[in-house]
């Protein structure tokens, strides 16, 4: 079971980790609120429950999927910026070495 869970996309796992407790709390609220308000149970509450969970899952799933895509994009941009910085540093070091060699050659050739 855990192997199947590990193979699921991260956005789905994140969504389920929030939706399951939310559904449990919604069930508790729907069952306990009539007792505290001294109102009868409403059939509409029980009919609306699956739709509330489905809509919550859909919206939260979209949000998590979008968030993960943005994080991946930011990581790729940072990796590219680090690569360009490393290339720039290597070019500067190479240029510095060439300048040092040229300056040493000039000093040796001076009378």
PDB file of N, CA and C in Angstrom:
ATOM      1  N   UNK A   1       0.819  -1.201   0.000  1.00  0.00           N
ATOM      2  CA  UNK A   1       0.000   0.000   0.000  1.00  0.00           C
ATOM      3  C   UNK A   1       0.865   1.267   0.000  1.00  0.00           C
ATOM      4  N   UNK A   2       1.922   1.259   0.816  1.00  0.00           N
ATOM      5  CA  UNK A   2       2.793   2.434   0.860  1.00  0.00           C
ATOM      6  C   UNK A   2       3.527   2.632  -0.458  1.00  0.00           C
ATOM      7  N   UNK A   3       3.816   1.531  -1.166  1.00  0.00           N
ATOM      8  CA  UNK A   3       4.500   1.661  -2.459  1.00  0.00           C
ATOM      9  C   UNK A   3       3.612   2.400  -3.451  1.00  0.00           C
ATOM     10  N   UNK A   4       2.322   2.082  -3.442  1.00  0.00           N
ATOM     11  CA  UNK A   4       1.396   2.776  -4.342  1.00  0.00           C
ATOM     12  C   UNK A   4       1.292   4.249  -3.950  1.00  0.00           C
ATOM     13  N   UNK A   5       1.276   4.525  -2.643  1.00  0.00           N
ATOM     14  CA  UNK A   5       1.187   5.904  -2.164  1.00  0.00           C
ATOM     15  C   UNK A   5       2.417   6.693  -2.601  1.00  0.00           C
ATOM     16  N   UNK A   6       3.599   6.063  -2.534  1.00  0.00           N
ATOM     17  CA  UNK A   6       4.835   6.749  -2.903  1.00  0.00           C
ATOM     18  C   UNK A   6       4.883   7.059  -4.400  1.00  0.00           C
ATOM     19  N   UNK A   7       4.183   6.257  -5.210  1.00  0.00           N
ATOM     20  CA  UNK A   7       4.210   6.462  -6.657  1.00  0.00           C
ATOM     21  C   UNK A   7       3.255   7.561  -7.115  1.00  0.00           C
ATOM     22  N   UNK A   8       2.345   7.981  -6.249  1.00  0.00           N
ATOM     23  CA  UNK A   8       1.393   9.022  -6.628  1.00  0.00           C
ATOM     24  C   UNK A   8       2.093  10.370  -6.761  1.00  0.00           C
ATOM     25  N   UNK A   9       1.541  11.257  -7.591  1.00  0.00           N
ATOM     26  CA  UNK A   9       2.139  12.591  -7.723  1.00  0.00           C
ATOM     27  C   UNK A   9       2.064  13.366  -6.410  1.00  0.00           C
ATOM     28  N   UNK A  10       3.032  14.233  -6.204  1.00  0.00           N
ATOM     29  CA  UNK A  10       3.105  14.991  -4.948  1.00  0.00           C
ATOM     30  C   UNK A  10       1.871  15.867  -4.735  1.00  0.00           C
ATOM     31  N   UNK A  11       1.367  16.481  -5.804  1.00  0.00           N
ATOM     32  CA  UNK A  11       0.198  17.339  -5.658  1.00  0.00           C
ATOM     33  C   UNK A  11      -1.004  16.554  -5.168  1.00  0.00           C
ATOM     34  N   UNK A  12      -1.137  15.290  -5.614  1.00  0.00           N
ATOM     35  CA  UNK A  12      -2.258  14.461  -5.193  1.00  0.00           C
ATOM     36  C   UNK A  12      -2.115  14.066  -3.727  1.00  0.00           C
ATOM     37  N   UNK A  13      -0.899  13.697  -3.325  1.00  0.00           N
ATOM     38  CA  UNK A  13      -0.674  13.324  -1.925  1.00  0.00           C
ATOM     39  C   UNK A  13      -0.935  14.518  -1.007  1.00  0.00           C
ATOM     40  N   UNK A  14      -0.449  15.698  -1.398  1.00  0.00           N
ATOM     41  CA  UNK A  14      -0.681  16.901  -0.592  1.00  0.00           C
ATOM     42  C   UNK A  14      -2.175  17.214  -0.481  1.00  0.00           C
ATOM     43  N   UNK A  15      -2.880  17.042  -1.587  1.00  0.00           N
ATOM     44  CA  UNK A  15      -4.316  17.306  -1.589  1.00  0.00           C
ATOM     45  C   UNK A  15      -5.046  16.328  -0.670  1.00  0.00           C
ATOM     46  N   UNK A  16      -4.705  15.049  -0.764  1.00  0.00           N
ATOM     47  CA  UNK A  16      -5.375  14.050   0.070  1.00  0.00           C
ATOM     48  C   UNK A  16      -5.069  14.261   1.551  1.00  0.00           C
ATOM     49  N   UNK A  17      -3.876  14.710   1.869  1.00  0.00           N
ATOM     50  CA  UNK A  17      -3.517  14.937   3.267  1.00  0.00           C
ATOM     51  C   UNK A  17      -4.335  16.079   3.872  1.00  0.00           C
ATOM     52  N   UNK A  18      -4.879  16.930   3.053  1.00  0.00           N
ATOM     53  CA  UNK A  18      -5.717  18.014   3.561  1.00  0.00           C
ATOM     54  C   UNK A  18      -7.203  17.667   3.451  1.00  0.00           C
ATOM     55  N   UNK A  19      -7.602  17.023   2.355  1.00  0.00           N
ATOM     56  CA  UNK A  19      -9.011  16.734   2.122  1.00  0.00           C
ATOM     57  C   UNK A  19      -9.556  15.707   3.114  1.00  0.00           C
ATOM     58  N   UNK A  20      -8.794  14.673   3.439  1.00  0.00           N
ATOM     59  CA  UNK A  20      -9.302  13.637   4.353  1.00  0.00           C
ATOM     60  C   UNK A  20      -9.618  14.227   5.734  1.00  0.00           C
ATOM     61  N   UNK A  21      -8.704  14.947   6.380  1.00  0.00           N
ATOM     62  CA  UNK A  21      -9.096  15.552   7.671  1.00  0.00           C
ATOM     63  C   UNK A  21     -10.232  16.567   7.530  1.00  0.00           C
ATOM     64  N   UNK A  22     -10.242  17.295   6.394  1.00  0.00           N
ATOM     65  CA  UNK A  22     -11.322  18.255   6.183  1.00  0.00           C
ATOM     66  C   UNK A  22     -12.666  17.540   6.087  1.00  0.00           C
ATOM     67  N   UNK A  23     -12.714  16.405   5.391  1.00  0.00           N
ATOM     68  CA  UNK A  23     -13.953  15.645   5.265  1.00  0.00           C
ATOM     69  C   UNK A  23     -14.399  15.099   6.622  1.00  0.00           C
ATOM     70  N   UNK A  24     -13.437  14.638   7.423  1.00  0.00           N
ATOM     71  CA  UNK A  24     -13.775  14.136   8.761  1.00  0.00           C
ATOM     72  C   UNK A  24     -14.353  15.261   9.618  1.00  0.00           C
ATOM     73  N   UNK A  25     -13.720  16.423   9.575  1.00  0.00           N
ATOM     74  CA  UNK A  25     -14.241  17.560  10.340  1.00  0.00           C
ATOM     75  C   UNK A  25     -15.617  18.000   9.831  1.00  0.00           C
ATOM     76  N   UNK A  26     -15.820  17.939   8.538  1.00  0.00           N
ATOM     77  CA  UNK A  26     -17.117  18.301   7.973  1.00  0.00           C
ATOM     78  C   UNK A  26     -18.194  17.309   8.415  1.00  0.00           C
ATOM     79  N   UNK A  27     -17.856  16.022   8.458  1.00  0.00           N
ATOM     80  CA  UNK A  27     -18.805  15.020   8.944  1.00  0.00           C
ATOM     81  C   UNK A  27     -19.154  15.297  10.401  1.00  0.00           C
ATOM     82  N   UNK A  28     -18.140  15.541  11.212  1.00  0.00           N
ATOM     83  CA  UNK A  28     -18.396  15.834  12.629  1.00  0.00           C
ATOM     84  C   UNK A  28     -19.272  17.082  12.779  1.00  0.00           C
ATOM     85  N   UNK A  29     -18.979  18.096  12.003  1.00  0.00           N
ATOM     86  CA  UNK A  29     -19.766  19.332  12.068  1.00  0.00           C
ATOM     87  C   UNK A  29     -21.213  19.058  11.670  1.00  0.00           C
ATOM     88  N   UNK A  30     -21.392  18.324  10.553  1.00  0.00           N
ATOM     89  CA  UNK A  30     -22.746  18.038  10.084  1.00  0.00           C
ATOM     90  C   UNK A  30     -23.528  17.194  11.089  1.00  0.00           C
ATOM     91  N   UNK A  31     -22.852  16.305  11.798  1.00  0.00           N
ATOM     92  CA  UNK A  31     -23.543  15.448  12.766  1.00  0.00           C
ATOM     93  C   UNK A  31     -23.782  16.145  14.108  1.00  0.00           C
ATOM     94  N   UNK A  32     -22.842  16.991  14.526  1.00  0.00           N
ATOM     95  CA  UNK A  32     -22.945  17.582  15.856  1.00  0.00           C
ATOM     96  C   UNK A  32     -23.664  18.935  15.889  1.00  0.00           C
ATOM     97  N   UNK A  33     -23.640  19.681  14.796  1.00  0.00           N
ATOM     98  CA  UNK A  33     -24.246  21.017  14.835  1.00  0.00           C
ATOM     99  C   UNK A  33     -25.746  20.987  15.128  1.00  0.00           C
ATOM    100  N   UNK A  34     -26.523  20.028  14.621  1.00  0.00           N
ATOM    101  CA  UNK A  34     -27.949  20.018  14.990  1.00  0.00           C
ATOM    102  C   UNK A  34     -28.171  19.777  16.484  1.00  0.00           C
ATOM    103  N   UNK A  35     -27.304  19.024  17.105  1.00  0.00           N
ATOM    104  CA  UNK A  35     -27.458  18.769  18.542  1.00  0.00           C
ATOM    105  C   UNK A  35     -27.204  20.037  19.350  1.00  0.00           C
ATOM    106  N   UNK A  36     -26.250  20.837  18.925  1.00  0.00           N
ATOM    107  CA  UNK A  36     -25.921  22.052  19.673  1.00  0.00           C
ATOM    108  C   UNK A  36     -26.898  23.196  19.383  1.00  0.00           C
ATOM    109  N   UNK A  37     -27.488  23.194  18.204  1.00  0.00           N
ATOM    110  CA  UNK A  37     -28.422  24.267  17.849  1.00  0.00           C
ATOM    111  C   UNK A  37     -29.871  23.865  18.100  1.00  0.00           C
ATOM    112  N   UNK A  38     -30.083  22.612  18.503  1.00  0.00           N
ATOM    113  CA  UNK A  38     -31.434  22.080  18.770  1.00  0.00           C
ATOM    114  C   UNK A  38     -32.323  22.185  17.540  1.00  0.00           C
ATOM    115  N   UNK A  39     -31.720  21.944  16.391  1.00  0.00           N
ATOM    116  CA  UNK A  39     -32.452  21.914  15.139  1.00  0.00           C
ATOM    117  C   UNK A  39     -32.470  20.470  14.640  1.00  0.00           C
ATOM    118  N   UNK A  40     -33.446  20.102  13.845  1.00  0.00           N
ATOM    119  CA  UNK A  40     -33.469  18.734  13.318  1.00  0.00           C
ATOM    120  C   UNK A  40     -32.391  18.576  12.230  1.00  0.00           C
ATOM    121  N   UNK A  41     -32.011  17.332  11.992  1.00  0.00           N
ATOM    122  CA  UNK A  41     -31.061  17.045  10.919  1.00  0.00           C
ATOM    123  C   UNK A  41     -31.706  17.399   9.590  1.00  0.00           C
ATOM    124  N   UNK A  42     -30.910  17.957   8.710  1.00  0.00           N
ATOM    125  CA  UNK A  42     -31.416  18.352   7.396  1.00  0.00           C
ATOM    126  C   UNK A  42     -30.926  17.351   6.355  1.00  0.00           C
ATOM    127  N   UNK A  43     -31.827  16.909   5.519  1.00  0.00           N
ATOM    128  CA  UNK A  43     -31.466  15.994   4.453  1.00  0.00           C
ATOM    129  C   UNK A  43     -30.533  16.692   3.455  1.00  0.00           C
ATOM    130  N   UNK A  44     -30.721  17.984   3.296  1.00  0.00           N
ATOM    131  CA  UNK A  44     -29.879  18.757   2.372  1.00  0.00           C
ATOM    132  C   UNK A  44     -28.411  18.724   2.799  1.00  0.00           C
ATOM    133  N   UNK A  45     -28.172  18.688   4.087  1.00  0.00           N
ATOM    134  CA  UNK A  45     -26.802  18.624   4.589  1.00  0.00           C
ATOM    135  C   UNK A  45     -26.122  17.351   4.109  1.00  0.00           C
ATOM    136  N   UNK A  46     -26.841  16.239   4.176  1.00  0.00           N
ATOM    137  CA  UNK A  46     -26.256  14.960   3.767  1.00  0.00           C
ATOM    138  C   UNK A  46     -26.133  14.841   2.255  1.00  0.00           C
ATOM    139  N   UNK A  47     -27.023  15.501   1.536  1.00  0.00           N
ATOM    140  CA  UNK A  47     -26.928  15.490   0.078  1.00  0.00           C
ATOM    141  C   UNK A  47     -25.765  16.370  -0.374  1.00  0.00           C
ATOM    142  N   UNK A  48     -25.539  17.483   0.317  1.00  0.00           N
ATOM    143  CA  UNK A  48     -24.504  18.440  -0.089  1.00  0.00           C
ATOM    144  C   UNK A  48     -23.102  17.961   0.267  1.00  0.00           C
ATOM    145  N   UNK A  49     -22.970  17.057   1.231  1.00  0.00           N
ATOM    146  CA  UNK A  49     -21.643  16.634   1.694  1.00  0.00           C
ATOM    147  C   UNK A  49     -20.735  16.129   0.577  1.00  0.00           C
ATOM    148  N   UNK A  50     -21.173  15.162  -0.260  1.00  0.00           N
ATOM    149  CA  UNK A  50     -20.248  14.687  -1.307  1.00  0.00           C
ATOM    150  C   UNK A  50     -19.823  15.793  -2.268  1.00  0.00           C
ATOM    151  N   UNK A  51     -20.748  16.687  -2.569  1.00  0.00           N
ATOM    152  CA  UNK A  51     -20.405  17.778  -3.484  1.00  0.00           C
ATOM    153  C   UNK A  51     -19.386  18.726  -2.853  1.00  0.00           C
ATOM    154  N   UNK A  52     -19.533  18.967  -1.569  1.00  0.00           N
ATOM    155  CA  UNK A  52     -18.572  19.823  -0.877  1.00  0.00           C
ATOM    156  C   UNK A  52     -17.179  19.203  -0.902  1.00  0.00           C
ATOM    157  N   UNK A  53     -17.107  17.900  -0.678  1.00  0.00           N
ATOM    158  CA  UNK A  53     -15.807  17.226  -0.679  1.00  0.00           C
ATOM    159  C   UNK A  53     -15.211  17.205  -2.083  1.00  0.00           C
ATOM    160  N   UNK A  54     -16.047  16.941  -3.086  1.00  0.00           N
ATOM    161  CA  UNK A  54     -15.548  16.893  -4.471  1.00  0.00           C
ATOM    162  C   UNK A  54     -15.049  18.267  -4.917  1.00  0.00           C
ATOM    163  N   UNK A  55     -15.829  19.304  -4.622  1.00  0.00           N
ATOM    164  CA  UNK A  55     -15.410  20.663  -4.997  1.00  0.00           C
ATOM    165  C   UNK A  55     -14.135  21.045  -4.238  1.00  0.00           C
ATOM    166  N   UNK A  56     -14.074  20.711  -2.952  1.00  0.00           N
ATOM    167  CA  UNK A  56     -12.859  20.993  -2.175  1.00  0.00           C
ATOM    168  C   UNK A  56     -11.657  20.273  -2.741  1.00  0.00           C
ATOM    169  N   UNK A  57     -11.833  18.996  -3.102  1.00  0.00           N
ATOM    170  CA  UNK A  57     -10.734  18.233  -3.686  1.00  0.00           C
ATOM    171  C   UNK A  57     -10.283  18.855  -4.998  1.00  0.00           C
ATOM    172  N   UNK A  58     -11.232  19.229  -5.843  1.00  0.00           N
ATOM    173  CA  UNK A  58     -10.882  19.814  -7.141  1.00  0.00           C
ATOM    174  C   UNK A  58     -10.121  21.120  -7.001  1.00  0.00           C
ATOM    175  N   UNK A  59     -10.635  22.012  -6.169  1.00  0.00           N
ATOM    176  CA  UNK A  59      -9.971  23.314  -6.008  1.00  0.00           C
ATOM    177  C   UNK A  59      -8.597  23.171  -5.361  1.00  0.00           C
ATOM    178  N   UNK A  60      -8.522  22.361  -4.318  1.00  0.00           N
ATOM    179  CA  UNK A  60      -7.240  22.179  -3.641  1.00  0.00           C
ATOM    180  C   UNK A  60      -6.243  21.436  -4.529  1.00  0.00           C
ATOM    181  N   UNK A  61      -6.745  20.472  -5.319  1.00  0.00           N
ATOM    182  CA  UNK A  61      -5.877  19.759  -6.260  1.00  0.00           C
ATOM    183  C   UNK A  61      -5.290  20.691  -7.299  1.00  0.00           C
ATOM    184  N   UNK A  62      -6.134  21.572  -7.848  1.00  0.00           N
ATOM    185  CA  UNK A  62      -5.642  22.552  -8.825  1.00  0.00           C
ATOM    186  C   UNK A  62      -4.601  23.474  -8.204  1.00  0.00           C
ATOM    187  N   UNK A  63      -4.879  23.924  -6.983  1.00  0.00           N
ATOM    188  CA  UNK A  63      -3.932  24.807  -6.305  1.00  0.00           C
ATOM    189  C   UNK A  63      -2.585  24.105  -6.080  1.00  0.00           C
ATOM    190  N   UNK A  64      -2.621  22.881  -5.554  1.00  0.00           N
ATOM    191  CA  UNK A  64      -1.371  22.145  -5.289  1.00  0.00           C
ATOM    192  C   UNK A  64      -0.615  21.847  -6.570  1.00  0.00           C
ATOM    193  N   UNK A  65      -1.339  21.480  -7.628  1.00  0.00           N
ATOM    194  CA  UNK A  65      -0.684  21.201  -8.910  1.00  0.00           C
ATOM    195  C   UNK A  65       0.008  22.464  -9.440  1.00  0.00           C
ATOM    196  N   UNK A  66      -0.698  23.580  -9.372  1.00  0.00           N
ATOM    197  CA  UNK A  66      -0.127  24.855  -9.839  1.00  0.00           C
ATOM    198  C   UNK A  66       1.078  25.254  -8.984  1.00  0.00           C
ATOM    199  N   UNK A  67       0.966  25.078  -7.668  1.00  0.00           N
ATOM    200  CA  UNK A  67       2.061  25.441  -6.760  1.00  0.00           C
ATOM    201  C   UNK A  67       3.319  24.622  -7.069  1.00  0.00           C
ATOM    202  N   UNK A  68       3.154  23.328  -7.313  1.00  0.00           N
ATOM    203  CA  UNK A  68       4.310  22.474  -7.609  1.00  0.00           C
ATOM    204  C   UNK A  68       4.931  22.856  -8.946  1.00  0.00           C
ATOM    205  N   UNK A  69       4.113  23.192  -9.938  1.00  0.00           N
ATOM    206  CA  UNK A  69       4.657  23.630 -11.226  1.00  0.00           C
ATOM    207  C   UNK A  69       5.468  24.913 -11.071  1.00  0.00           C
ATOM    208  N   UNK A  70       4.996  25.841 -10.255  1.00  0.00           N
ATOM    209  CA  UNK A  70       5.719  27.096 -10.022  1.00  0.00           C
ATOM    210  C   UNK A  70       7.039  26.821  -9.311  1.00  0.00           C
ATOM    211  N   UNK A  71       7.026  25.928  -8.324  1.00  0.00           N
ATOM    212  CA  UNK A  71       8.257  25.585  -7.597  1.00  0.00           C
ATOM    213  C   UNK A  71       9.269  24.946  -8.535  1.00  0.00           C
ATOM    214  N   UNK A  72       8.814  24.032  -9.397  1.00  0.00           N
ATOM    215  CA  UNK A  72       9.720  23.401 -10.364  1.00  0.00           C
ATOM    216  C   UNK A  72      10.300  24.438 -11.326  1.00  0.00           C
ATOM    217  N   UNK A  73       9.473  25.373 -11.751  1.00  0.00           N
ATOM    218  CA  UNK A  73       9.939  26.419 -12.665  1.00  0.00           C
ATOM    219  C   UNK A  73      10.982  27.297 -11.982  1.00  0.00           C
ATOM    220  N   UNK A  74      10.741  27.652 -10.722  1.00  0.00           N
ATOM    221  CA  UNK A  74      11.710  28.459  -9.976  1.00  0.00           C
ATOM    222  C   UNK A  74      13.026  27.719  -9.792  1.00  0.00           C
ATOM    223  N   UNK A  75      12.964  26.414  -9.497  1.00  0.00           N
ATOM    224  CA  UNK A  75      14.188  25.622  -9.351  1.00  0.00           C
ATOM    225  C   UNK A  75      14.969  25.592 -10.654  1.00  0.00           C
ATOM    226  N   UNK A  76      14.262  25.437 -11.766  1.00  0.00           N
ATOM    227  CA  UNK A  76      14.935  25.407 -13.065  1.00  0.00           C
ATOM    228  C   UNK A  76      15.589  26.752 -13.358  1.00  0.00           C
ATOM    229  N   UNK A  77      14.913  27.851 -13.034  1.00  0.00           N
ATOM    230  CA  UNK A  77      15.488  29.170 -13.266  1.00  0.00           C
ATOM    231  C   UNK A  77      16.710  29.398 -12.383  1.00  0.00           C
ATOM    232  N   UNK A  78      16.642  28.963 -11.137  1.00  0.00           N
ATOM    233  CA  UNK A  78      17.794  29.111 -10.242  1.00  0.00           C
ATOM    234  C   UNK A  78      18.963  28.262 -10.702  1.00  0.00           C
ATOM    235  N   UNK A  79      18.684  27.053 -11.174  1.00  0.00           N
ATOM    236  CA  UNK A  79      19.753  26.187 -11.671  1.00  0.00           C
ATOM    237  C   UNK A  79      20.408  26.819 -12.904  1.00  0.00           C
ATOM    238  N   UNK A  80      19.592  27.388 -13.781  1.00  0.00           N
ATOM    239  CA  UNK A  80      20.138  28.038 -14.978  1.00  0.00           C
ATOM    240  C   UNK A  80      20.971  29.261 -14.594  1.00  0.00           C
ATOM    241  N   UNK A  81      20.485  30.036 -13.631  1.00  0.00           N
ATOM    242  CA  UNK A  81      21.238  31.211 -13.186  1.00  0.00           C
ATOM    243  C   UNK A  81      22.561  30.786 -12.544  1.00  0.00           C
ATOM    244  N   UNK A  82      22.552  29.710 -11.761  1.00  0.00           N
ATOM    245  CA  UNK A  82      23.783  29.215 -11.137  1.00  0.00           C
ATOM    246  C   UNK A  82      24.757  28.723 -12.208  1.00  0.00           C
ATOM    247  N   UNK A  83      24.231  28.049 -13.235  1.00  0.00           N
ATOM    248  CA  UNK A  83      25.085  27.556 -14.319  1.00  0.00           C
ATOM    249  C   UNK A  83      25.726  28.728 -15.060  1.00  0.00           C
ATOM    250  N   UNK A  84      24.943  29.754 -15.358  1.00  0.00           N
ATOM    251  CA  UNK A  84      25.480  30.925 -16.054  1.00  0.00           C
ATOM    252  C   UNK A  84      26.511  31.652 -15.192  1.00  0.00           C
ATOM    253  N   UNK A  85      26.256  31.744 -13.901  1.00  0.00           N
ATOM    254  CA  UNK A  85      27.206  32.384 -12.986  1.00  0.00           C
ATOM    255  C   UNK A  85      28.516  31.597 -12.937  1.00  0.00           C
ATOM    256  N   UNK A  86      28.406  30.270 -12.914  1.00  0.00           N
ATOM    257  CA  UNK A  86      29.605  29.420 -12.891  1.00  0.00           C
ATOM    258  C   UNK A  86      30.410  29.591 -14.180  1.00  0.00           C
ATOM    259  N   UNK A  87      29.718  29.653 -15.316  1.00  0.00           N
ATOM    260  CA  UNK A  87      30.403  29.860 -16.596  1.00  0.00           C
ATOM    261  C   UNK A  87      31.083  31.228 -16.616  1.00  0.00           C
ATOM    262  N   UNK A  88      30.395  32.236 -16.116  1.00  0.00           N
ATOM    263  CA  UNK A  88      30.970  33.590 -16.062  1.00  0.00           C
ATOM    264  C   UNK A  88      32.208  33.608 -15.172  1.00  0.00           C
ATOM    265  N   UNK A  89      32.140  32.942 -14.032  1.00  0.00           N
ATOM    266  CA  UNK A  89      33.283  32.875 -13.108  1.00  0.00           C
ATOM    267  C   UNK A  89      34.466  32.177 -13.765  1.00  0.00           C
ATOM    268  N   UNK A  90      34.194  31.072 -14.472  1.00  0.00           N
ATOM    269  CA  UNK A  90      35.274  30.360 -15.163  1.00  0.00           C
ATOM    270  C   UNK A  90      35.908  31.243 -16.236  1.00  0.00           C
ATOM    271  N   UNK A  91      35.101  31.990 -16.967  1.00  0.00           N
ATOM    272  CA  UNK A  91      35.635  32.881 -17.992  1.00  0.00           C
ATOM    273  C   UNK A  91      36.488  33.979 -17.370  1.00  0.00           C
ATOM    274  N   UNK A  92      36.039  34.511 -16.224  1.00  0.00           N
ATOM    275  CA  UNK A  92      36.821  35.539 -15.544  1.00  0.00           C
ATOM    276  C   UNK A  92      38.156  34.980 -15.061  1.00  0.00           C
ATOM    277  N   UNK A  93      38.136  33.778 -14.515  1.00  0.00           N
ATOM    278  CA  UNK A  93      39.380  33.158 -14.051  1.00  0.00           C
ATOM    279  C   UNK A  93      40.323  32.910 -15.220  1.00  0.00           C
ATOM    280  N   UNK A  94      39.785  32.435 -16.331  1.00  0.00           N
ATOM    281  CA  UNK A  94      40.613  32.177 -17.511  1.00  0.00           C
ATOM    282  C   UNK A  94      41.207  33.480 -18.037  1.00  0.00           C
ATOM    283  N   UNK A  95      40.389  34.528 -18.089  1.00  0.00           N
ATOM    284  CA  UNK A  95      40.871  35.819 -18.562  1.00  0.00           C
ATOM    285  C   UNK A  95      41.936  36.375 -17.620  1.00  0.00           C
ATOM    286  N   UNK A  96      41.720  36.211 -16.321  1.00  0.00           N
ATOM    287  CA  UNK A  96      42.700  36.678 -15.339  1.00  0.00           C
ATOM    288  C   UNK A  96      44.035  35.945 -15.531  1.00  0.00           C
ATOM    289  N   UNK A  97      43.964  34.644 -15.758  1.00  0.00           N
ATOM    290  CA  UNK A  97      45.188  33.860 -15.966  1.00  0.00           C
ATOM    291  C   UNK A  97      45.902  34.317 -17.240  1.00  0.00           C
ATOM    292  N   UNK A  98      45.145  34.556 -18.307  1.00  0.00           N
ATOM    293  CA  UNK A  98      45.764  35.027 -19.556  1.00  0.00           C
ATOM    294  C   UNK A  98      46.413  36.394 -19.357  1.00  0.00           C
ATOM    295  N   UNK A  99      45.739  37.270 -18.634  1.00  0.00           N
ATOM    296  CA  UNK A  99      46.303  38.598 -18.372  1.00  0.00           C
ATOM    297  C   UNK A  99      47.565  38.492 -17.521  1.00  0.00           C
ATOM    298  N   UNK A 100      47.563  37.608 -16.533  1.00  0.00           N
ATOM    299  CA  UNK A 100      48.744  37.423 -15.680  1.00  0.00           C
ATOM    300  C   UNK A 100      49.918  36.905 -16.497  1.00  0.00           C
ATOM    301  N   UNK A 101      49.674  35.941 -17.365  1.00  0.00           N
ATOM    302  CA  UNK A 101      50.752  35.401 -18.211  1.00  0.00           C
ATOM    303  C   UNK A 101      51.288  36.484 -19.147  1.00  0.00           C
ATOM    304  N   UNK A 102      50.401  37.273 -19.724  1.00  0.00           N
ATOM    305  CA  UNK A 102      50.827  38.338 -20.630  1.00  0.00           C
ATOM    306  C   UNK A 102      51.656  39.378 -19.865  1.00  0.00           C
ATOM    307  N   UNK A 103      51.219  39.723 -18.654  1.00  0.00           N
ATOM    308  CA  UNK A 103      51.971  40.708 -17.865  1.00  0.00           C
ATOM    309  C   UNK A 103      53.346  40.165 -17.474  1.00  0.00           C
ATOM    310  N   UNK A 104      53.432  38.875 -17.127  1.00  0.00           N
ATOM    311  CA  UNK A 104      54.736  38.288 -16.795  1.00  0.00           C
ATOM    312  C   UNK A 104      55.660  38.290 -18.022  1.00  0.00           C
ATOM    313  N   UNK A 105      55.094  38.004 -19.186  1.00  0.00           N
ATOM    314  CA  UNK A 105      55.902  37.992 -20.414  1.00  0.00           C
ATOM    315  C   UNK A 105      56.417  39.392 -20.740  1.00  0.00           C
ATOM    316  N   UNK A 106      55.576  40.389 -20.514  1.00  0.00           N
ATOM    317  CA  UNK A 106      55.972  41.772 -20.779  1.00  0.00           C
ATOM    318  C   UNK A 106      57.096  42.183 -19.814  1.00  0.00           C
ATOM    319  N   UNK A 107      56.973  41.816 -18.532  1.00  0.00           N
ATOM    320  CA  UNK A 107      57.999  42.156 -17.545  1.00  0.00           C
ATOM    321  C   UNK A 107      59.318  41.484 -17.865  1.00  0.00           C
ATOM    322  N   UNK A 108      59.296  40.264 -18.360  1.00  0.00           N
ATOM    323  CA  UNK A 108      60.528  39.566 -18.697  1.00  0.00           C
ATOM    324  C   UNK A 108      61.201  40.170 -19.908  1.00  0.00           C
ATOM    325  N   UNK A 109      60.451  40.706 -20.822  1.00  0.00           N
ATOM    326  CA  UNK A 109      61.021  41.282 -22.051  1.00  0.00           C
ATOM    327  C   UNK A 109      61.475  42.725 -21.863  1.00  0.00           C
ATOM    328  N   UNK A 110      61.194  43.360 -20.772  1.00  0.00           N
ATOM    329  CA  UNK A 110      61.626  44.740 -20.533  1.00  0.00           C
ATOM    330  C   UNK A 110      63.110  44.751 -20.215  1.00  0.00           C
ATOM    331  N   UNK A 111      63.810  45.793 -20.694  1.00  0.00           N
ATOM    332  CA  UNK A 111      65.249  45.882 -20.378  1.00  0.00           C
ATOM    333  C   UNK A 111      65.524  46.385 -18.984  1.00  0.00           C
TER     334      UNK A 111
END
